[in-house]
Protein backbone atom coordinates (compact mmCIF):
# COMPACT_ATOMS: atom_id res chain seq x y z
CA MET A 1 154.25 107.44 42.83
CA SER A 2 155.62 108.37 39.45
CA ASP A 3 153.27 108.84 36.53
CA LEU A 4 152.16 105.31 35.39
CA LYS A 5 149.40 106.26 33.05
CA SER A 6 149.70 104.21 29.85
CA LYS A 7 152.81 102.50 31.02
CA ASN A 8 153.02 98.94 29.82
CA ILE A 9 153.48 96.58 32.84
CA ILE A 10 153.66 92.85 33.24
CA VAL A 11 152.69 91.38 36.67
CA THR A 12 153.43 87.70 37.35
CA GLY A 13 151.72 85.82 40.17
CA ALA A 14 148.78 88.12 39.49
CA SER A 15 146.12 85.98 40.87
CA GLY A 16 147.58 85.73 44.35
CA GLY A 17 146.87 88.11 47.22
CA ILE A 18 149.93 90.44 46.72
CA GLY A 19 149.54 90.32 42.98
CA ASN A 20 145.92 91.21 43.18
CA SER A 21 146.64 94.20 45.28
CA ILE A 22 149.45 95.36 43.00
CA ILE A 23 147.02 95.20 39.99
CA GLU A 24 144.46 97.13 41.77
CA LYS A 25 146.85 99.98 42.51
CA LEU A 26 148.37 99.94 39.16
CA ASN A 27 144.88 100.00 37.53
CA GLN A 28 144.01 103.02 39.66
CA ALA A 29 147.16 104.80 38.39
CA GLY A 30 146.03 104.25 34.68
CA ALA A 31 148.72 101.71 33.80
CA ASN A 32 148.26 99.31 30.83
CA ILE A 33 148.48 95.92 32.70
CA LEU A 34 149.14 92.26 31.58
CA ALA A 35 148.27 89.97 34.49
CA SER A 36 149.89 86.48 34.33
CA GLY A 37 149.28 83.45 36.57
CA THR A 38 148.84 79.69 36.40
CA LYS A 39 145.06 79.38 36.99
CA ILE A 40 142.88 80.76 34.22
CA GLU A 41 139.75 80.81 36.42
CA LYS A 42 141.43 83.20 38.87
CA LEU A 43 142.64 85.36 35.89
CA ASP A 44 139.13 85.45 34.64
CA VAL A 45 138.00 86.77 38.03
CA LEU A 46 140.78 89.51 37.89
CA LYS A 47 139.46 90.41 34.40
CA SER A 48 135.99 90.76 35.74
CA LYS A 49 137.15 93.06 38.45
CA PHE A 50 139.48 95.16 36.36
CA GLU A 51 138.02 95.23 32.80
CA ASN A 52 140.87 97.12 31.19
CA ILE A 53 143.67 94.64 32.06
CA LYS A 54 144.95 91.84 29.73
CA ILE A 55 145.52 88.27 30.95
CA LEU A 56 147.89 85.53 29.92
CA LYS A 57 148.15 82.24 31.52
CA PHE A 58 151.77 81.12 32.17
CA ASP A 59 153.69 78.90 34.53
CA ILE A 60 157.12 80.50 35.30
CA SER A 61 158.54 77.06 36.15
CA GLN A 62 158.61 76.46 32.36
CA SER A 63 161.99 78.06 32.07
CA ASP A 64 162.46 77.08 28.36
CA LYS A 65 159.29 79.10 27.51
CA ILE A 66 160.01 82.26 29.44
CA GLU A 67 161.50 84.22 26.49
CA GLU A 68 158.49 83.26 24.38
CA PHE A 69 156.14 84.52 27.11
CA ILE A 70 157.85 87.84 27.37
CA GLU A 71 157.59 88.24 23.64
CA ASN A 72 153.86 87.38 23.65
CA ALA A 73 153.13 89.47 26.62
CA THR A 74 154.95 92.42 25.04
CA LYS A 75 152.87 92.05 21.86
CA GLU A 76 149.63 91.87 23.91
CA LEU A 77 150.79 95.27 25.44
CA GLY A 78 151.24 96.85 22.12
CA GLY A 79 154.86 96.03 21.37
CA ASN A 80 156.53 97.94 24.10
CA LEU A 81 157.54 96.95 27.68
CA ASP A 82 158.08 99.55 30.37
CA CYS A 83 158.13 97.53 33.54
CA ILE A 84 157.85 93.92 34.80
CA ILE A 85 156.92 93.01 38.46
CA ASN A 86 158.26 89.57 39.25
CA ASN A 87 155.86 88.46 41.98
CA ALA A 88 155.30 84.81 41.23
CA GLY A 89 156.74 82.31 43.67
CA VAL A 90 155.99 79.09 45.70
CA THR A 91 156.77 77.73 49.19
CA GLN A 92 157.59 74.10 50.07
CA ASP A 93 158.19 74.37 53.88
CA ASN A 94 160.01 71.73 55.93
CA LEU A 95 162.71 71.49 58.52
CA ALA A 96 166.09 71.32 56.99
CA ILE A 97 166.90 67.67 58.07
CA ARG A 98 163.56 66.58 56.51
CA MET A 99 163.79 68.71 53.36
CA SER A 100 164.26 66.66 50.18
CA LEU A 101 166.50 67.65 47.38
CA GLU A 102 163.43 67.88 45.22
CA GLU A 103 161.78 70.36 47.78
CA TRP A 104 164.90 72.45 47.71
CA LYS A 105 165.39 72.60 43.94
CA LYS A 106 161.74 73.26 43.20
CA VAL A 107 161.67 76.46 45.29
CA ILE A 108 165.14 77.61 44.04
CA ASP A 109 164.26 76.94 40.50
CA ILE A 110 160.85 78.79 40.51
CA ASN A 111 161.60 81.63 42.81
CA LEU A 112 165.21 82.43 41.92
CA THR A 113 166.18 80.94 38.54
CA SER A 114 162.90 81.78 36.91
CA THR A 115 163.04 85.39 38.23
CA PHE A 116 166.48 85.72 36.75
CA LEU A 117 165.28 84.37 33.35
CA MET A 118 162.31 86.64 33.46
CA SER A 119 164.42 89.62 34.20
CA LYS A 120 167.00 88.66 31.46
CA SER A 121 164.30 88.43 28.85
CA ALA A 122 162.72 91.74 30.01
CA ILE A 123 166.07 93.51 29.89
CA LYS A 124 166.49 92.56 26.20
CA LYS A 125 163.23 94.34 25.43
CA MET A 126 164.09 97.34 27.56
CA LEU A 127 167.47 97.78 26.00
CA LYS A 128 165.77 98.37 22.61
CA ASN A 129 163.54 100.94 24.33
CA LYS A 130 166.58 102.46 26.12
CA SER A 131 164.71 102.57 29.46
CA GLY A 132 162.74 100.26 31.81
CA ARG A 133 161.87 99.16 35.27
CA ILE A 134 162.18 95.75 36.95
CA VAL A 135 160.71 95.19 40.40
CA ASN A 136 161.41 91.85 42.13
CA ILE A 137 159.11 90.95 45.01
CA THR A 138 161.30 89.27 47.70
CA SER A 139 160.53 88.90 51.36
CA VAL A 140 161.71 90.09 54.74
CA VAL A 141 162.73 86.53 55.47
CA GLY A 142 165.34 86.85 52.84
CA HIS A 143 167.03 89.14 55.19
CA THR A 144 166.22 87.46 58.49
CA GLY A 145 165.71 83.82 57.77
CA ASN A 146 162.76 81.71 59.01
CA LEU A 147 162.01 78.42 60.70
CA GLY A 148 161.32 75.67 58.25
CA GLN A 149 162.02 77.69 55.10
CA ALA A 150 165.68 77.22 54.26
CA ASN A 151 164.71 76.84 50.65
CA TYR A 152 162.43 79.83 50.53
CA THR A 153 164.66 82.21 52.40
CA ALA A 154 167.62 81.22 50.25
CA SER A 155 165.68 81.87 47.09
CA LYS A 156 164.57 85.39 48.37
CA ALA A 157 168.01 86.27 49.59
CA GLY A 158 169.27 85.10 46.19
CA ILE A 159 166.86 87.49 44.39
CA ILE A 160 168.01 90.39 46.51
CA ALA A 161 171.72 89.80 45.64
CA MET A 162 170.89 89.11 41.99
CA SER A 163 168.85 92.33 41.71
CA LYS A 164 171.74 94.36 43.06
CA SER A 165 174.03 92.87 40.53
CA LEU A 166 171.66 93.61 37.66
CA ALA A 167 171.12 96.99 38.85
CA ILE A 168 174.80 97.77 38.78
CA GLU A 169 175.09 96.10 35.20
CA TYR A 170 172.16 98.10 33.61
CA ALA A 171 171.94 101.47 35.43
CA LYS A 172 173.86 103.20 32.70
CA LYS A 173 171.32 101.79 30.21
CA ASN A 174 168.59 103.72 32.07
CA ILE A 175 167.13 100.34 33.40
CA ASN A 176 166.24 100.59 37.06
CA ILE A 177 166.15 97.26 38.98
CA ASN A 178 165.03 96.97 42.59
CA CYS A 179 163.36 94.81 45.18
CA ILE A 180 160.49 95.06 47.58
CA SER A 181 160.70 92.80 50.68
CA PRO A 182 157.22 92.56 52.30
CA GLY A 183 156.71 91.24 55.86
CA PHE A 184 154.05 88.71 56.63
CA ILE A 185 150.99 89.32 54.45
CA LYS A 186 147.86 87.11 54.60
CA THR A 187 147.68 85.42 51.12
CA ALA A 188 146.69 82.03 49.66
CA MET A 189 150.43 81.12 49.95
CA THR A 190 150.53 81.91 53.65
CA ASP A 191 147.24 79.84 54.28
CA LYS A 192 149.52 76.84 54.76
CA ILE A 193 151.15 78.69 57.65
CA ASP A 194 147.79 79.88 58.85
CA GLU A 195 146.54 76.32 58.76
CA LYS A 196 149.07 75.46 61.49
CA LEU A 197 147.43 78.18 63.63
CA ILE A 198 144.09 76.71 62.88
CA ASP A 199 145.30 73.34 63.96
CA TRP A 200 146.66 74.89 67.04
CA LEU A 201 143.40 76.67 67.88
CA TYR A 202 140.90 74.18 66.76
CA ASP A 203 142.49 70.60 67.02
CA ALA A 204 140.38 67.82 68.07
CA SER A 205 142.74 66.94 70.95
CA SER A 206 141.55 70.07 72.92
CA PHE A 207 137.99 68.83 72.79
CA ASP A 208 139.08 65.21 73.71
CA SER A 209 141.25 66.50 76.53
CA ILE A 210 138.32 68.47 78.04
CA HIS A 211 135.92 65.58 77.91
CA ASN A 212 138.38 63.02 79.28
CA SER A 213 139.29 65.24 82.25
CA VAL A 214 135.47 65.64 83.03
CA ARG A 215 134.71 61.82 82.66
CA ASN A 216 137.77 60.64 84.44
CA GLN A 217 138.32 63.32 87.06
CA GLU A 218 140.34 62.26 90.26
CA LEU A 219 140.09 64.53 93.19
CA LYS A 220 143.45 63.86 94.59
CA HIS A 221 146.10 66.21 95.91
CA VAL A 222 148.15 68.09 93.34
CA ASP A 223 151.38 69.99 94.15
CA PHE A 224 151.27 73.46 92.63
CA TYR A 225 153.29 75.77 94.83
CA SER A 226 152.65 78.96 92.95
CA LEU A 227 149.07 78.85 94.22
CA PRO A 228 149.04 78.39 98.07
CA THR A 229 145.79 77.12 99.52
CA ASP A 230 145.16 80.32 101.43
CA THR A 231 145.51 82.35 98.31
CA LEU A 232 143.13 80.09 96.48
CA LYS A 233 140.50 80.28 99.27
CA SER A 234 140.54 84.06 99.22
CA ARG A 235 140.13 84.14 95.43
CA LEU A 236 137.34 81.66 95.53
CA ALA A 237 135.56 83.60 98.26
CA TYR A 238 135.73 86.71 96.02
CA LEU A 239 134.23 84.88 93.00
CA ASP A 240 131.52 83.52 95.33
CA SER A 241 130.63 87.08 96.47
CA LYS A 242 129.75 88.12 92.97
CA SER A 243 128.34 84.99 91.52
CA PRO A 244 125.01 83.15 91.95
CA PHE A 245 127.06 79.79 91.90
CA ASN A 246 128.07 78.12 95.05
CA ILE A 247 131.86 78.51 94.97
CA GLU A 248 133.04 77.29 98.29
CA TYR A 249 136.59 75.96 98.83
CA ASN A 250 136.90 72.26 99.16
CA PRO A 251 139.99 70.09 98.67
CA GLY A 252 138.35 68.41 95.56
CA LEU A 253 137.92 71.71 93.88
CA GLU A 254 141.44 72.62 94.80
CA SER A 255 142.82 69.50 93.21
CA VAL A 256 140.93 70.20 89.88
CA ILE A 257 142.01 73.87 89.65
CA LYS A 258 145.73 73.02 90.50
CA SER A 259 145.65 70.01 88.00
CA TYR A 260 144.34 72.24 85.11
CA LEU A 261 146.87 75.00 85.87
CA LYS A 262 149.79 72.54 86.09
CA LYS A 263 149.03 70.18 83.10
CA ARG A 264 146.80 72.07 80.69
CA ARG A 265 148.52 75.44 80.22
CA PRO A 266 148.75 75.35 76.41
CA LEU A 267 145.18 74.36 76.15
CA ILE A 268 144.04 77.10 78.50
CA GLU A 269 145.85 79.67 76.40
CA LYS A 270 144.22 78.38 73.21
CA MET A 271 140.73 78.84 74.73
CA ILE A 272 141.55 82.25 76.19
CA ALA A 273 142.46 83.25 72.62
CA LEU A 274 139.17 81.79 71.18
CA SER A 275 137.16 83.49 73.80
CA ALA A 276 137.70 86.98 72.23
CA LEU A 277 135.52 85.81 69.34
CA TYR A 278 132.94 83.75 71.14
CA PHE A 279 132.29 85.15 74.69
CA PRO A 280 130.70 88.54 73.45
CA MET A 281 128.19 86.35 71.46
CA PHE A 282 127.46 84.31 74.56
CA GLU A 283 127.17 87.29 76.92
CA ALA A 284 124.61 89.08 74.56
CA HIS A 285 122.27 86.07 74.81
CA LEU A 286 122.87 85.51 78.55
CA ASP A 287 122.01 89.14 79.21
CA LYS A 288 118.92 88.89 77.04
CA TYR A 289 117.56 85.98 79.25
CA ASN A 290 118.79 87.60 82.51
CA MET A 291 121.18 84.71 83.21
CA PRO A 292 124.49 84.75 84.92
CA LEU A 293 127.24 85.86 82.44
CA GLU A 294 129.56 83.27 84.02
CA ILE A 295 127.63 80.52 82.20
CA LYS A 296 129.72 81.52 79.14
CA TYR A 297 132.45 79.24 80.74
CA LEU A 298 130.09 76.26 80.30
CA ALA A 299 130.79 76.28 76.53
CA VAL A 300 134.52 75.83 77.35
CA VAL A 301 133.75 72.71 79.37
CA GLU A 302 131.34 71.42 76.73
CA SER A 303 133.41 71.95 73.55
CA ALA A 304 136.73 73.64 74.30
CA LEU A 305 135.21 76.41 72.15
CA ARG A 306 135.28 74.34 69.05
CA PRO A 307 132.05 75.10 67.11
CA LYS A 308 132.23 71.87 65.13
CA ALA A 309 133.01 69.66 68.14
CA LYS A 310 131.24 66.33 68.12
CA SER A 311 131.04 63.91 71.08
CA ARG A 312 131.12 60.12 70.90
CA VAL A 313 127.33 60.16 71.23
CA GLY A 314 126.60 62.71 68.56
CA ALA A 315 126.28 65.87 70.54
CA THR A 316 127.45 68.91 68.36
CA GLY A 317 128.62 72.43 68.50
CA LEU A 318 129.82 74.91 71.13
CA TRP A 319 127.01 73.96 73.51
CA GLN A 320 126.88 70.21 72.52
CA PHE A 321 123.35 69.72 71.47
CA MET A 322 121.97 66.35 70.61
CA TYR A 323 119.87 66.16 67.46
CA GLY A 324 116.53 66.00 69.11
CA THR A 325 117.21 68.66 71.80
CA GLY A 326 118.53 70.97 68.91
CA LYS A 327 115.33 70.49 67.03
CA MET A 328 113.18 71.22 70.18
CA TYR A 329 114.95 74.53 70.42
CA ASP A 330 114.49 75.35 66.68
CA LEU A 331 117.97 74.56 65.56
CA ARG A 332 117.70 73.66 61.82
CA ILE A 333 119.76 70.76 60.65
CA SER A 334 120.00 70.15 56.88
CA SER A 335 122.21 68.60 54.28
CA TYR A 336 123.93 72.02 54.03
CA VAL A 337 123.53 73.61 57.44
CA ASP A 338 123.86 72.45 61.07
CA GLU A 339 122.75 75.32 63.27
CA ARG A 340 124.09 73.47 66.35
CA SER A 341 127.40 74.85 65.15
CA ASP A 342 126.21 78.36 64.69
CA PRO A 343 127.56 80.34 67.60
CA LEU A 344 124.56 82.79 67.86
CA LYS A 345 121.73 80.43 67.30
CA SER A 346 123.13 77.67 69.45
CA SER A 347 123.75 80.25 72.24
CA GLU A 348 120.16 81.27 71.98
CA ALA A 349 119.04 77.64 72.28
CA ALA A 350 121.33 76.96 75.24
CA CYS A 351 119.87 80.00 77.07
CA LYS A 352 116.37 78.70 76.66
CA TYR A 353 117.26 75.26 77.73
CA LEU A 354 119.31 76.37 80.81
CA SER A 355 116.38 78.85 81.81
CA LYS A 356 114.07 75.90 81.69
CA LEU A 357 116.35 73.81 83.90
CA TYR A 358 116.66 76.60 86.39
CA GLU A 359 112.86 76.85 86.64
CA ILE A 360 112.84 73.20 87.64
CA PHE A 361 115.62 73.32 90.27
CA GLY A 362 115.81 76.90 91.34
CA ASP A 363 119.64 76.47 91.59
CA TRP A 364 122.26 77.23 88.90
CA ASP A 365 124.63 74.40 90.14
CA LEU A 366 121.94 71.91 89.66
CA ALA A 367 120.73 73.42 86.33
CA LEU A 368 124.26 72.87 84.99
CA ALA A 369 124.39 69.31 86.32
CA ALA A 370 120.93 68.67 84.54
CA TYR A 371 122.28 70.18 81.33
CA ASN A 372 124.96 67.51 81.24
CA SER A 373 122.93 64.44 82.40
CA GLY A 374 119.31 65.44 82.21
CA PRO A 375 116.92 66.62 84.90
CA GLY A 376 115.91 62.97 85.62
CA ASN A 377 119.36 62.05 86.77
CA VAL A 378 119.53 65.11 89.02
CA THR A 379 116.16 64.48 90.50
CA LYS A 380 117.21 60.85 91.09
CA ALA A 381 120.43 61.97 92.85
CA ILE A 382 118.47 64.36 95.07
CA ARG A 383 116.18 61.60 96.20
CA ARG A 384 119.05 59.14 96.77
CA SER A 385 120.95 61.78 98.84
CA GLY A 386 118.04 61.97 101.17
CA GLY A 387 116.66 65.23 99.76
CA TYR A 388 119.76 67.36 99.66
CA LYS A 389 119.58 70.12 97.00
CA ASN A 390 123.29 71.14 97.15
CA TYR A 391 125.50 69.93 94.26
CA TRP A 392 128.29 68.72 96.50
CA ASN A 393 125.95 66.74 98.68
CA ILE A 394 124.33 64.99 95.75
CA ARG A 395 127.57 64.63 93.78
CA PRO A 396 128.24 60.92 94.92
CA PHE A 397 124.89 59.91 93.41
CA LEU A 398 125.29 61.59 90.00
CA PRO A 399 126.66 59.80 86.93
CA ARG A 400 130.52 59.80 86.82
CA GLU A 401 130.76 62.37 84.09
CA THR A 402 128.25 64.77 85.81
CA ALA A 403 130.18 64.27 89.03
CA GLY A 404 133.15 65.88 87.32
CA TYR A 405 131.16 68.54 85.57
CA LEU A 406 130.65 71.36 88.03
CA PRO A 407 134.25 71.16 89.39
CA SER A 408 135.45 71.50 85.78
CA PHE A 409 133.12 74.47 85.24
CA LEU A 410 134.25 76.20 88.48
CA ALA A 411 137.95 75.50 87.65
CA THR A 412 137.46 77.02 84.20
CA MET A 413 135.84 80.06 85.71
CA TYR A 414 138.78 80.42 88.05
CA TYR A 415 141.52 80.27 85.42
CA PHE A 416 139.77 82.71 83.12
CA GLU A 417 139.13 85.23 85.90
CA TYR A 418 142.76 84.96 87.18
CA ALA A 419 144.50 84.34 83.92
CA GLU A 420 146.62 87.36 84.12
CA LEU A 421 147.83 86.61 87.63
CA HIS A 422 148.86 83.17 86.40
CA GLY A 423 150.90 84.62 83.60
CA PHE A 424 148.89 83.19 80.63
CA SER A 425 150.03 84.69 77.38
CA LYS A 426 147.23 86.42 75.51
CA ASN A 427 147.46 84.73 72.08
CA LYS A 428 144.89 86.38 69.99
CA THR A 429 142.47 84.79 67.57
CA LYS A 430 142.60 86.52 64.24
CA TYR A 431 139.20 88.18 64.54
CA ARG A 432 137.47 89.56 67.73
CA PHE A 433 133.71 89.60 67.73
CA TYR A 434 133.43 93.32 67.20
CA GLU A 435 135.62 93.15 64.15
CA THR A 436 133.04 91.07 62.30
CA ASP A 437 129.55 91.50 61.11
CA THR A 438 126.89 89.52 59.00
CA VAL A 439 125.47 90.11 55.55
CA LYS A 440 122.29 88.39 54.24
CA VAL A 441 123.07 86.24 51.29
CA LYS A 442 120.67 86.44 48.34
CA SER A 443 121.94 83.60 46.13
CA MET A 444 123.83 80.38 46.57
CA ILE A 445 127.56 80.95 46.97
CA GLY A 446 130.57 79.08 48.24
CA PHE A 447 133.36 80.21 50.49
CA ASN A 448 135.81 79.88 47.56
CA HIS A 449 133.73 82.44 45.54
CA ILE A 450 133.68 84.93 48.32
CA SER A 451 137.34 84.55 49.00
CA GLU A 452 138.19 85.26 45.31
CA PHE A 453 136.65 88.78 45.50
CA LEU A 454 137.38 89.79 49.08
CA ASN A 455 140.87 88.55 49.79
CA VAL A 456 139.53 86.73 52.82
CA SER A 457 140.97 83.11 52.98
CA GLU A 458 138.60 80.28 52.84
CA ASN A 459 140.07 79.13 56.29
CA ASP A 460 138.89 82.51 57.75
CA LEU A 461 135.45 82.01 56.27
CA LYS A 462 135.28 78.52 57.82
CA ARG A 463 136.22 79.83 61.16
CA LEU A 464 133.60 82.65 61.00
CA ASN A 465 130.82 80.60 59.54
CA PRO A 466 131.02 77.06 61.10
CA SER A 467 127.53 76.07 60.64
CA TYR A 468 127.81 75.55 56.85
CA LYS A 469 128.79 71.92 56.38
CA LEU A 470 129.72 72.00 52.79
CA GLU A 471 131.37 75.45 52.85
CA ILE A 472 128.37 76.49 50.66
CA ILE A 473 125.73 78.99 51.68
CA PRO A 474 122.44 77.70 50.20
CA SER A 475 119.44 79.76 48.86
CA ILE A 476 116.25 78.28 50.02
CA LYS A 477 112.77 79.82 49.72
CA ASP A 478 111.52 81.31 53.05
CA ARG A 479 114.94 80.68 54.64
CA ASP A 480 117.34 83.52 55.40
CA TYR A 481 121.09 82.72 55.41
CA TYR A 482 123.90 85.09 56.37
CA VAL A 483 127.64 85.13 56.02
CA ARG A 484 130.01 86.61 58.83
CA LEU A 485 132.74 88.58 57.46
CA PRO A 486 135.51 90.73 58.75
CA LEU A 487 134.14 94.22 59.21
CA LYS A 488 136.54 95.70 56.80
CA SER A 489 135.29 93.43 54.01
CA ILE A 490 131.59 94.11 54.43
CA GLY A 491 131.71 97.13 52.07
CA LYS A 492 133.62 95.23 49.46
CA PHE A 493 131.25 92.33 49.48
CA ILE A 494 128.28 94.69 48.94
CA ASP A 495 130.11 96.52 46.13
CA ASN A 496 130.88 93.17 44.38
CA GLU A 497 127.80 91.26 45.32
CA GLN A 498 126.27 90.69 41.93
CA ASN A 499 129.69 89.76 40.43
CA ILE A 500 130.08 87.20 43.24
CA TYR A 501 126.84 85.65 42.64
CA GLN A 502 127.42 85.50 38.83
CA PHE A 503 130.85 83.98 39.40
CA ALA A 504 129.31 81.42 41.84
CA ASN A 505 126.55 80.51 39.40
CA LYS A 506 128.98 79.93 36.61
CA SER A 507 131.09 77.79 38.89
CA PHE A 508 128.25 75.65 40.03
CA ASN A 509 127.05 75.13 36.46
CA ASN A 510 130.58 73.93 35.32
CA ARG A 511 130.87 71.32 38.18
CA GLU A 512 131.54 67.84 37.02
CA LYS A 513 129.40 66.50 39.86
CA PRO A 514 126.03 67.98 40.70
CA LEU A 515 125.59 69.75 44.05
CA PRO A 516 124.09 67.55 46.78
CA LYS A 517 120.36 67.90 47.19
CA TYR A 518 119.07 70.11 49.88
CA TYR A 519 116.87 68.32 52.46
CA GLU A 520 115.78 69.17 55.98
CA MET A 521 116.44 66.65 58.71
CA ASP A 522 113.10 66.88 60.45
CA SER A 523 112.40 63.43 61.56
CA ARG A 524 110.22 64.15 64.65
CA VAL A 525 107.88 61.06 65.19
CA ARG A 526 104.96 60.42 67.49
CA TYR A 527 105.30 56.92 68.90
CA SER A 528 102.35 54.97 70.43
CA VAL A 529 103.49 52.79 73.38
CA ARG A 530 102.66 49.12 72.83
CA ASN A 531 102.38 46.10 74.97
CA GLY A 532 105.96 45.06 76.11
CA ASP A 533 107.50 48.50 75.55
CA TYR A 534 109.72 50.18 78.16
CA LEU A 535 111.89 53.28 77.75
CA GLY A 536 115.19 51.36 77.26
CA LYS A 537 113.70 49.37 74.43
CA ILE A 538 112.15 52.46 72.74
CA ALA A 539 115.42 54.36 73.08
CA ASN A 540 117.35 51.50 71.42
CA LYS A 541 114.85 51.26 68.53
CA PHE A 542 115.36 54.98 67.64
CA GLY A 543 119.02 55.32 68.58
CA VAL A 544 118.58 57.80 71.46
CA ARG A 545 119.00 57.97 75.22
CA VAL A 546 116.29 57.25 77.88
CA SER A 547 117.11 60.65 79.43
CA GLU A 548 116.23 62.39 76.12
CA ILE A 549 112.85 60.66 75.65
CA LYS A 550 112.04 61.65 79.22
CA ARG A 551 113.16 65.28 78.50
CA TRP A 552 111.22 65.60 75.28
CA ASN A 553 108.04 64.36 76.91
CA GLY A 554 108.34 65.82 80.34
CA LEU A 555 108.42 62.32 82.02
CA LYS A 556 109.24 62.26 85.67
CA SER A 557 109.29 58.54 85.97
CA ASP A 558 110.17 55.46 83.82
CA ASN A 559 106.61 54.22 83.88
CA LEU A 560 104.73 54.07 80.64
CA LYS A 561 101.02 53.25 79.67
CA ILE A 562 99.99 51.23 76.69
CA GLY A 563 98.68 53.77 74.09
CA GLN A 564 100.65 56.65 75.48
CA ARG A 565 101.96 59.04 72.76
CA LEU A 566 105.66 59.90 72.85
CA ILE A 567 107.56 62.56 70.87
CA ILE A 568 110.87 61.22 69.59
CA TYR A 569 113.66 62.77 67.43
CA PRO A 570 115.33 59.67 65.93
CA ARG A 571 119.15 59.80 65.48
CA SER A 572 119.10 57.39 62.47
CA ILE A 573 118.40 60.24 59.91
């Protein structure tokens, strides 16, 4: 890098991801920088990070004011302009047949026309100085094209050709003009693209698909010739040999496995991608409680690995805890936080609950069935079957959803264990578990405040911290709250911690609407059974299930006594 010390440089689009990084490097090189952008609050953040820079709000779409901007910016820099980096730009993505003339013109006007006018005005200043540098930030898609970006790619290709022409015109005047064409870089602009990935990985349809397949499971023959029955039998026998679950071949299980492999391939690939983040969390807790590691597949059946999944009856999170059961296992639920959506804390609770169910039945198949429908329904099915304690023998006597539960679990175990042999593409989630870590938060901050200082998108913070309902991490006395961050951002957070808190506090104080009041949802009640009460009546009164009341109170039958005290966690909170 040539000597940039004391060189006067204008950077447009300074508050974005690429602009921010450019300024950081120029600042390290000792340049005299003027940062420009459209949002003054983001420019203020830059100023707090790099005290020596100057800032000037400007929207490059105001083509009639560009010359005035260059004049004012040059004055701010001391009357001389050595370099301008034209980084500002926009996207307005759409398929060509759907792209409006307005969408086309907006991108061309801002990205190409305004860059030309900025360069033109800068050249006038540089001619007086008899030297100068212009760097235009383009994109690799200006060379290659890109799906849904006809306007954007055209604008970037235009900048490349324009820059070559300007370079030829002014080379003899000692004005160097060139382009930089980055590849895909994670920025606020590309968040729209990333949002498509989020939708792909976290869409509600995946959760609905899982639950519909469990509730409405039909054990009928499915043709899937790439998996012969003999091959499946041998693979199931191998899984059975290394698992505490009863994984015996039967035609019903075969139909479920083949149906999933045939009809749900895209969904399976999504969940395989997500497993890189969540499975290590599950396995750590399963190992702690000396439980089979295969139980990690239960979360796939429960939630399709969506931490914010919510069922039609209110069960929430990766492990689908109802409100009352979550409270029983110390999962805090407040106006700001729902720990049922916390991958680590909900996994701890799931292990405790499943361990208790295993103590009751002494069989992991039955423990999983009880996890779905409650121990009462499993006990009833055992009794109705004539005393059998094998899942497949009591299956006809279980509720419809529970009857499809274990086959779905075993089918999930199969396609995860044999994913490679079935040619599932290994789409990767953005972060693996070991690439992240947590930091204790000392003051209330929002995801947007963290994002401003760390160049970690708010979408990424949402994915890594799903338990925060308002995208705000509260600060409550005697409560510890943590933020999960990419490992590479931990040091940067610690270095900028006080600045982040100050920025957040200023932002909260300037809100038009006050922040929601923090309150804990702790509505446990002790109910005294009255004359005429029965479990169904009490359940309706508090908006809960009969099976939940029985589970909370260790009831083995539906019989109640007048005056009997029941612990209830109402849903009407």
